[in-house]
Amino acid sequence: MIGRCLAGVLLGLPLSAVTLRLLLLALPGNGADWLIPALILFFPLWMSLMIGAFAFRSAMRVWLTFGGANAAGFAALWLAGHAV
């Protein structure tokens, strides 16, 4: 139980940040006009990831899924930075 909680807290934070950044990059002007609404959306997204961590059967699955999603998200962010 503590493993799923820690995965939701520690891996949910960067996952929600990279998700919102990728969404902002898709908007015109890199989402500069949508920065404040994205910051307001950050906390509920992080909370939903923490709650969603308890839907997995084991802590290892949460760590692998959230870790893989973080790696994919940051790789996509890195590629988006070099595509310009």
PDB file of N, CA and C in Angstrom:
ATOM      1  N   MET A   1       0.819  -1.193   0.000  1.00  0.00           N
ATOM      2  CA  MET A   1       0.000   0.000   0.000  1.00  0.00           C
ATOM      3  C   MET A   1       0.858   1.251   0.000  1.00  0.00           C
ATOM      4  N   ILE A   2       1.930   1.250   0.797  1.00  0.00           N
ATOM      5  CA  ILE A   2       2.790   2.422   0.844  1.00  0.00           C
ATOM      6  C   ILE A   2       3.544   2.591  -0.475  1.00  0.00           C
ATOM      7  N   GLY A   3       3.818   1.482  -1.165  1.00  0.00           N
ATOM      8  CA  GLY A   3       4.507   1.548  -2.455  1.00  0.00           C
ATOM      9  C   GLY A   3       3.672   2.247  -3.509  1.00  0.00           C
ATOM     10  N   ARG A   4       2.386   1.948  -3.528  1.00  0.00           N
ATOM     11  CA  ARG A   4       1.500   2.616  -4.476  1.00  0.00           C
ATOM     12  C   ARG A   4       1.341   4.087  -4.138  1.00  0.00           C
ATOM     13  N   CYS A   5       1.284   4.386  -2.863  1.00  0.00           N
ATOM     14  CA  CYS A   5       1.167   5.779  -2.429  1.00  0.00           C
ATOM     15  C   CYS A   5       2.403   6.577  -2.833  1.00  0.00           C
ATOM     16  N   LEU A   6       3.578   6.010  -2.585  1.00  0.00           N
ATOM     17  CA  LEU A   6       4.816   6.697  -2.948  1.00  0.00           C
ATOM     18  C   LEU A   6       4.958   6.850  -4.457  1.00  0.00           C
ATOM     19  N   ALA A   7       4.542   5.850  -5.212  1.00  0.00           N
ATOM     20  CA  ALA A   7       4.603   5.957  -6.667  1.00  0.00           C
ATOM     21  C   ALA A   7       3.681   7.064  -7.169  1.00  0.00           C
ATOM     22  N   GLY A   8       2.497   7.154  -6.595  1.00  0.00           N
ATOM     23  CA  GLY A   8       1.584   8.212  -6.999  1.00  0.00           C
ATOM     24  C   GLY A   8       2.108   9.588  -6.671  1.00  0.00           C
ATOM     25  N   VAL A   9       2.751   9.723  -5.529  1.00  0.00           N
ATOM     26  CA  VAL A   9       3.270  11.028  -5.119  1.00  0.00           C
ATOM     27  C   VAL A   9       4.537  11.371  -5.895  1.00  0.00           C
ATOM     28  N   LEU A  10       5.500  10.460  -5.908  1.00  0.00           N
ATOM     29  CA  LEU A  10       6.808  10.768  -6.478  1.00  0.00           C
ATOM     30  C   LEU A  10       6.834  10.739  -8.005  1.00  0.00           C
ATOM     31  N   LEU A  11       6.082   9.841  -8.610  1.00  0.00           N
ATOM     32  CA  LEU A  11       6.066   9.782 -10.064  1.00  0.00           C
ATOM     33  C   LEU A  11       4.871  10.501 -10.673  1.00  0.00           C
ATOM     34  N   GLY A  12       3.854  10.754  -9.878  1.00  0.00           N
ATOM     35  CA  GLY A  12       2.699  11.498 -10.382  1.00  0.00           C
ATOM     36  C   GLY A  12       2.991  12.973 -10.588  1.00  0.00           C
ATOM     37  N   LEU A  13       3.851  13.532  -9.755  1.00  0.00           N
ATOM     38  CA  LEU A  13       4.207  14.949  -9.874  1.00  0.00           C
ATOM     39  C   LEU A  13       4.871  15.256 -11.209  1.00  0.00           C
ATOM     40  N   PRO A  14       5.975  14.590 -11.574  1.00  0.00           N
ATOM     41  CA  PRO A  14       6.571  14.920 -12.870  1.00  0.00           C
ATOM     42  C   PRO A  14       5.708  14.494 -14.049  1.00  0.00           C
ATOM     43  N   LEU A  15       4.903  13.452 -13.864  1.00  0.00           N
ATOM     44  CA  LEU A  15       4.038  13.017 -14.950  1.00  0.00           C
ATOM     45  C   LEU A  15       2.960  14.050 -15.245  1.00  0.00           C
ATOM     46  N   SER A  16       2.388  14.635 -14.221  1.00  0.00           N
ATOM     47  CA  SER A  16       1.387  15.675 -14.453  1.00  0.00           C
ATOM     48  C   SER A  16       2.037  16.932 -15.024  1.00  0.00           C
ATOM     49  N   ALA A  17       3.257  17.249 -14.606  1.00  0.00           N
ATOM     50  CA  ALA A  17       3.943  18.428 -15.136  1.00  0.00           C
ATOM     51  C   ALA A  17       4.286  18.261 -16.612  1.00  0.00           C
ATOM     52  N   VAL A  18       4.820  17.100 -16.979  1.00  0.00           N
ATOM     53  CA  VAL A  18       5.193  16.896 -18.376  1.00  0.00           C
ATOM     54  C   VAL A  18       3.956  16.781 -19.262  1.00  0.00           C
ATOM     55  N   THR A  19       2.878  16.234 -18.737  1.00  0.00           N
ATOM     56  CA  THR A  19       1.638  16.151 -19.508  1.00  0.00           C
ATOM     57  C   THR A  19       1.103  17.539 -19.830  1.00  0.00           C
ATOM     58  N   LEU A  20       1.067  18.401 -18.836  1.00  0.00           N
ATOM     59  CA  LEU A  20       0.571  19.751 -19.077  1.00  0.00           C
ATOM     60  C   LEU A  20       1.510  20.539 -19.984  1.00  0.00           C
ATOM     61  N   ARG A  21       2.807  20.324 -19.865  1.00  0.00           N
ATOM     62  CA  ARG A  21       3.751  21.033 -20.739  1.00  0.00           C
ATOM     63  C   ARG A  21       3.579  20.594 -22.184  1.00  0.00           C
ATOM     64  N   LEU A  22       3.382  19.315 -22.415  1.00  0.00           N
ATOM     65  CA  LEU A  22       3.156  18.835 -23.773  1.00  0.00           C
ATOM     66  C   LEU A  22       1.848  19.377 -24.338  1.00  0.00           C
ATOM     67  N   LEU A  23       0.835  19.484 -23.495  1.00  0.00           N
ATOM     68  CA  LEU A  23      -0.420  20.075 -23.954  1.00  0.00           C
ATOM     69  C   LEU A  23      -0.249  21.550 -24.281  1.00  0.00           C
ATOM     70  N   LEU A  24       0.538  22.262 -23.487  1.00  0.00           N
ATOM     71  CA  LEU A  24       0.780  23.674 -23.764  1.00  0.00           C
ATOM     72  C   LEU A  24       1.592  23.865 -25.036  1.00  0.00           C
ATOM     73  N   LEU A  25       2.506  22.960 -25.318  1.00  0.00           N
ATOM     74  CA  LEU A  25       3.296  23.056 -26.546  1.00  0.00           C
ATOM     75  C   LEU A  25       2.438  22.874 -27.787  1.00  0.00           C
ATOM     76  N   ALA A  26       1.357  22.139 -27.659  1.00  0.00           N
ATOM     77  CA  ALA A  26       0.476  21.901 -28.802  1.00  0.00           C
ATOM     78  C   ALA A  26      -0.384  23.114 -29.133  1.00  0.00           C
ATOM     79  N   LEU A  27      -0.487  24.058 -28.217  1.00  0.00           N
ATOM     80  CA  LEU A  27      -1.304  25.244 -28.446  1.00  0.00           C
ATOM     81  C   LEU A  27      -0.502  26.302 -29.190  1.00  0.00           C
ATOM     82  N   PRO A  28      -1.186  27.207 -29.887  1.00  0.00           N
ATOM     83  CA  PRO A  28      -0.469  28.287 -30.568  1.00  0.00           C
ATOM     84  C   PRO A  28       0.265  29.182 -29.572  1.00  0.00           C
ATOM     85  N   GLY A  29       1.456  29.585 -29.931  1.00  0.00           N
ATOM     86  CA  GLY A  29       2.246  30.439 -29.055  1.00  0.00           C
ATOM     87  C   GLY A  29       2.780  29.702 -27.846  1.00  0.00           C
ATOM     88  N   ASN A  30       2.921  28.386 -27.961  1.00  0.00           N
ATOM     89  CA  ASN A  30       3.372  27.527 -26.865  1.00  0.00           C
ATOM     90  C   ASN A  30       2.489  27.634 -25.629  1.00  0.00           C
ATOM     91  N   GLY A  31       1.247  28.017 -25.801  1.00  0.00           N
ATOM     92  CA  GLY A  31       0.291  28.032 -24.695  1.00  0.00           C
ATOM     93  C   GLY A  31       0.513  29.125 -23.683  1.00  0.00           C
ATOM     94  N   ALA A  32       1.138  30.232 -24.087  1.00  0.00           N
ATOM     95  CA  ALA A  32       1.421  31.305 -23.143  1.00  0.00           C
ATOM     96  C   ALA A  32       0.132  31.889 -22.554  1.00  0.00           C
ATOM     97  N   ASP A  33      -0.923  31.917 -23.339  1.00  0.00           N
ATOM     98  CA  ASP A  33      -2.196  32.448 -22.852  1.00  0.00           C
ATOM     99  C   ASP A  33      -2.907  31.485 -21.912  1.00  0.00           C
ATOM    100  N   TRP A  34      -2.513  30.236 -21.921  1.00  0.00           N
ATOM    101  CA  TRP A  34      -3.172  29.201 -21.116  1.00  0.00           C
ATOM    102  C   TRP A  34      -2.341  28.762 -19.927  1.00  0.00           C
ATOM    103  N   LEU A  35      -1.308  29.499 -19.575  1.00  0.00           N
ATOM    104  CA  LEU A  35      -0.420  29.084 -18.498  1.00  0.00           C
ATOM    105  C   LEU A  35      -1.127  29.036 -17.141  1.00  0.00           C
ATOM    106  N   ILE A  36      -1.874  30.064 -16.801  1.00  0.00           N
ATOM    107  CA  ILE A  36      -2.558  30.107 -15.500  1.00  0.00           C
ATOM    108  C   ILE A  36      -3.615  29.000 -15.394  1.00  0.00           C
ATOM    109  N   PRO A  37      -4.464  28.782 -16.415  1.00  0.00           N
ATOM    110  CA  PRO A  37      -5.387  27.645 -16.302  1.00  0.00           C
ATOM    111  C   PRO A  37      -4.675  26.291 -16.208  1.00  0.00           C
ATOM    112  N   ALA A  38      -3.519  26.169 -16.868  1.00  0.00           N
ATOM    113  CA  ALA A  38      -2.764  24.914 -16.767  1.00  0.00           C
ATOM    114  C   ALA A  38      -2.209  24.733 -15.361  1.00  0.00           C
ATOM    115  N   LEU A  39      -1.762  25.799 -14.740  1.00  0.00           N
ATOM    116  CA  LEU A  39      -1.266  25.701 -13.369  1.00  0.00           C
ATOM    117  C   LEU A  39      -2.386  25.358 -12.398  1.00  0.00           C
ATOM    118  N   ILE A  40      -3.578  25.852 -12.671  1.00  0.00           N
ATOM    119  CA  ILE A  40      -4.724  25.501 -11.834  1.00  0.00           C
ATOM    120  C   ILE A  40      -5.109  24.038 -12.046  1.00  0.00           C
ATOM    121  N   LEU A  41      -4.952  23.541 -13.267  1.00  0.00           N
ATOM    122  CA  LEU A  41      -5.276  22.151 -13.579  1.00  0.00           C
ATOM    123  C   LEU A  41      -4.224  21.176 -13.054  1.00  0.00           C
ATOM    124  N   PHE A  42      -3.027  21.657 -12.747  1.00  0.00           N
ATOM    125  CA  PHE A  42      -1.932  20.790 -12.332  1.00  0.00           C
ATOM    126  C   PHE A  42      -2.272  19.984 -11.078  1.00  0.00           C
ATOM    127  N   PHE A  43      -2.764  20.635 -10.052  1.00  0.00           N
ATOM    128  CA  PHE A  43      -3.026  19.943  -8.791  1.00  0.00           C
ATOM    129  C   PHE A  43      -4.110  18.874  -8.913  1.00  0.00           C
ATOM    130  N   PRO A  44      -5.268  19.152  -9.562  1.00  0.00           N
ATOM    131  CA  PRO A  44      -6.255  18.065  -9.720  1.00  0.00           C
ATOM    132  C   PRO A  44      -5.743  16.901 -10.566  1.00  0.00           C
ATOM    133  N   LEU A  45      -4.895  17.192 -11.551  1.00  0.00           N
ATOM    134  CA  LEU A  45      -4.321  16.115 -12.347  1.00  0.00           C
ATOM    135  C   LEU A  45      -3.394  15.256 -11.503  1.00  0.00           C
ATOM    136  N   TRP A  46      -2.580  15.889 -10.678  1.00  0.00           N
ATOM    137  CA  TRP A  46      -1.677  15.153  -9.790  1.00  0.00           C
ATOM    138  C   TRP A  46      -2.478  14.319  -8.786  1.00  0.00           C
ATOM    139  N   MET A  47      -3.547  14.888  -8.246  1.00  0.00           N
ATOM    140  CA  MET A  47      -4.390  14.145  -7.301  1.00  0.00           C
ATOM    141  C   MET A  47      -5.030  12.940  -7.980  1.00  0.00           C
ATOM    142  N   SER A  48      -5.471  13.101  -9.221  1.00  0.00           N
ATOM    143  CA  SER A  48      -6.089  11.969  -9.911  1.00  0.00           C
ATOM    144  C   SER A  48      -5.073  10.878 -10.207  1.00  0.00           C
ATOM    145  N   LEU A  49      -3.825  11.246 -10.463  1.00  0.00           N
ATOM    146  CA  LEU A  49      -2.793  10.233 -10.640  1.00  0.00           C
ATOM    147  C   LEU A  49      -2.501   9.510  -9.332  1.00  0.00           C
ATOM    148  N   MET A  50      -2.502  10.247  -8.227  1.00  0.00           N
ATOM    149  CA  MET A  50      -2.293   9.597  -6.924  1.00  0.00           C
ATOM    150  C   MET A  50      -3.426   8.643  -6.595  1.00  0.00           C
ATOM    151  N   ILE A  51      -4.646   9.037  -6.886  1.00  0.00           N
ATOM    152  CA  ILE A  51      -5.798   8.163  -6.645  1.00  0.00           C
ATOM    153  C   ILE A  51      -5.769   6.979  -7.602  1.00  0.00           C
ATOM    154  N   GLY A  52      -5.394   7.237  -8.859  1.00  0.00           N
ATOM    155  CA  GLY A  52      -5.329   6.174  -9.855  1.00  0.00           C
ATOM    156  C   GLY A  52      -4.278   5.127  -9.559  1.00  0.00           C
ATOM    157  N   ALA A  53      -3.282   5.479  -8.777  1.00  0.00           N
ATOM    158  CA  ALA A  53      -2.232   4.511  -8.423  1.00  0.00           C
ATOM    159  C   ALA A  53      -2.805   3.349  -7.621  1.00  0.00           C
ATOM    160  N   PHE A  54      -3.892   3.574  -6.922  1.00  0.00           N
ATOM    161  CA  PHE A  54      -4.492   2.518  -6.112  1.00  0.00           C
ATOM    162  C   PHE A  54      -5.370   1.578  -6.932  1.00  0.00           C
ATOM    163  N   ALA A  55      -5.543   1.858  -8.222  1.00  0.00           N
ATOM    164  CA  ALA A  55      -6.309   0.972  -9.087  1.00  0.00           C
ATOM    165  C   ALA A  55      -5.469  -0.208  -9.575  1.00  0.00           C
ATOM    166  N   PHE A  56      -4.160  -0.129  -9.398  1.00  0.00           N
ATOM    167  CA  PHE A  56      -3.271  -1.198  -9.843  1.00  0.00           C
ATOM    168  C   PHE A  56      -3.249  -2.328  -8.809  1.00  0.00           C
ATOM    169  N   ARG A  57      -2.915  -3.517  -9.265  1.00  0.00           N
ATOM    170  CA  ARG A  57      -2.884  -4.678  -8.376  1.00  0.00           C
ATOM    171  C   ARG A  57      -1.701  -4.662  -7.428  1.00  0.00           C
ATOM    172  N   SER A  58      -0.572  -4.166  -7.903  1.00  0.00           N
ATOM    173  CA  SER A  58       0.623  -4.185  -7.064  1.00  0.00           C
ATOM    174  C   SER A  58       1.392  -2.880  -7.228  1.00  0.00           C
ATOM    175  N   ALA A  59       2.264  -2.640  -6.282  1.00  0.00           N
ATOM    176  CA  ALA A  59       3.076  -1.430  -6.327  1.00  0.00           C
ATOM    177  C   ALA A  59       4.063  -1.480  -7.491  1.00  0.00           C
ATOM    178  N   MET A  60       4.547  -2.661  -7.822  1.00  0.00           N
ATOM    179  CA  MET A  60       5.508  -2.787  -8.917  1.00  0.00           C
ATOM    180  C   MET A  60       4.889  -2.355 -10.241  1.00  0.00           C
ATOM    181  N   ARG A  61       3.630  -2.689 -10.452  1.00  0.00           N
ATOM    182  CA  ARG A  61       2.954  -2.280 -11.688  1.00  0.00           C
ATOM    183  C   ARG A  61       2.793  -0.766 -11.755  1.00  0.00           C
ATOM    184  N   VAL A  62       2.515  -0.150 -10.633  1.00  0.00           N
ATOM    185  CA  VAL A  62       2.385   1.310 -10.615  1.00  0.00           C
ATOM    186  C   VAL A  62       3.729   1.947 -10.938  1.00  0.00           C
ATOM    187  N   TRP A  63       4.791   1.475 -10.294  1.00  0.00           N
ATOM    188  CA  TRP A  63       6.114   2.041 -10.531  1.00  0.00           C
ATOM    189  C   TRP A  63       6.523   1.860 -11.990  1.00  0.00           C
ATOM    190  N   LEU A  64       6.270   0.692 -12.559  1.00  0.00           N
ATOM    191  CA  LEU A  64       6.645   0.458 -13.948  1.00  0.00           C
ATOM    192  C   LEU A  64       5.801   1.288 -14.919  1.00  0.00           C
ATOM    193  N   THR A  65       4.501   1.366 -14.663  1.00  0.00           N
ATOM    194  CA  THR A  65       3.624   2.119 -15.550  1.00  0.00           C
ATOM    195  C   THR A  65       3.901   3.614 -15.471  1.00  0.00           C
ATOM    196  N   PHE A  66       3.960   4.144 -14.265  1.00  0.00           N
ATOM    197  CA  PHE A  66       4.222   5.577 -14.111  1.00  0.00           C
ATOM    198  C   PHE A  66       5.643   5.932 -14.530  1.00  0.00           C
ATOM    199  N   GLY A  67       6.589   5.046 -14.247  1.00  0.00           N
ATOM    200  CA  GLY A  67       7.965   5.283 -14.680  1.00  0.00           C
ATOM    201  C   GLY A  67       8.088   5.280 -16.194  1.00  0.00           C
ATOM    202  N   GLY A  68       7.430   4.330 -16.837  1.00  0.00           N
ATOM    203  CA  GLY A  68       7.429   4.293 -18.298  1.00  0.00           C
ATOM    204  C   GLY A  68       6.733   5.489 -18.911  1.00  0.00           C
ATOM    205  N   ALA A  69       5.645   5.917 -18.284  1.00  0.00           N
ATOM    206  CA  ALA A  69       4.937   7.093 -18.780  1.00  0.00           C
ATOM    207  C   ALA A  69       5.786   8.347 -18.603  1.00  0.00           C
ATOM    208  N   ASN A  70       6.515   8.436 -17.491  1.00  0.00           N
ATOM    209  CA  ASN A  70       7.424   9.566 -17.288  1.00  0.00           C
ATOM    210  C   ASN A  70       8.532   9.565 -18.329  1.00  0.00           C
ATOM    211  N   ALA A  71       9.121   8.401 -18.575  1.00  0.00           N
ATOM    212  CA  ALA A  71      10.193   8.312 -19.567  1.00  0.00           C
ATOM    213  C   ALA A  71       9.685   8.692 -20.953  1.00  0.00           C
ATOM    214  N   ALA A  72       8.512   8.198 -21.308  1.00  0.00           N
ATOM    215  CA  ALA A  72       7.943   8.529 -22.611  1.00  0.00           C
ATOM    216  C   ALA A  72       7.598  10.011 -22.709  1.00  0.00           C
ATOM    217  N   GLY A  73       7.053  10.563 -21.640  1.00  0.00           N
ATOM    218  CA  GLY A  73       6.692  11.977 -21.646  1.00  0.00           C
ATOM    219  C   GLY A  73       7.901  12.884 -21.758  1.00  0.00           C
ATOM    220  N   PHE A  74       8.952  12.586 -21.000  1.00  0.00           N
ATOM    221  CA  PHE A  74      10.145  13.422 -21.076  1.00  0.00           C
ATOM    222  C   PHE A  74      10.888  13.217 -22.388  1.00  0.00           C
ATOM    223  N   ALA A  75      10.821  12.020 -22.975  1.00  0.00           N
ATOM    224  CA  ALA A  75      11.401  11.807 -24.300  1.00  0.00           C
ATOM    225  C   ALA A  75      10.644  12.605 -25.356  1.00  0.00           C
ATOM    226  N   ALA A  76       9.317  12.632 -25.245  1.00  0.00           N
ATOM    227  CA  ALA A  76       8.518  13.430 -26.173  1.00  0.00           C
ATOM    228  C   ALA A  76       8.795  14.921 -25.998  1.00  0.00           C
ATOM    229  N   LEU A  77       8.982  15.349 -24.765  1.00  0.00           N
ATOM    230  CA  LEU A  77       9.318  16.749 -24.509  1.00  0.00           C
ATOM    231  C   LEU A  77      10.688  17.091 -25.075  1.00  0.00           C
ATOM    232  N   TRP A  78      11.643  16.186 -24.949  1.00  0.00           N
ATOM    233  CA  TRP A  78      12.972  16.405 -25.496  1.00  0.00           C
ATOM    234  C   TRP A  78      12.917  16.463 -27.023  1.00  0.00           C
ATOM    235  N   LEU A  79      12.134  15.558 -27.631  1.00  0.00           N
ATOM    236  CA  LEU A  79      12.003  15.564 -29.080  1.00  0.00           C
ATOM    237  C   LEU A  79      11.290  16.813 -29.574  1.00  0.00           C
ATOM    238  N   ALA A  80      10.316  17.283 -28.831  1.00  0.00           N
ATOM    239  CA  ALA A  80       9.608  18.497 -29.221  1.00  0.00           C
ATOM    240  C   ALA A  80      10.535  19.709 -29.143  1.00  0.00           C
ATOM    241  N   GLY A  81      11.461  19.694 -28.216  1.00  0.00           N
ATOM    242  CA  GLY A  81      12.410  20.799 -28.105  1.00  0.00           C
ATOM    243  C   GLY A  81      13.411  20.807 -29.241  1.00  0.00           C
ATOM    244  N   HIS A  82      13.757  19.630 -29.760  1.00  0.00           N
ATOM    245  CA  HIS A  82      14.718  19.546 -30.852  1.00  0.00           C
ATOM    246  C   HIS A  82      14.056  19.593 -32.215  1.00  0.00           C
ATOM    247  N   ALA A  83      12.747  19.518 -32.268  1.00  0.00           N
ATOM    248  CA  ALA A  83      12.043  19.554 -33.559  1.00  0.00           C
ATOM    249  C   ALA A  83      11.905  20.986 -34.082  1.00  0.00           C
ATOM    250  N   VAL A  84      12.106  21.938 -33.231  1.00  0.00           N
ATOM    251  CA  VAL A  84      11.927  23.345 -33.633  1.00  0.00           C
ATOM    252  C   VAL A  84      13.095  23.828 -34.432  1.00  0.00           C
TER     253      VAL A  84
END
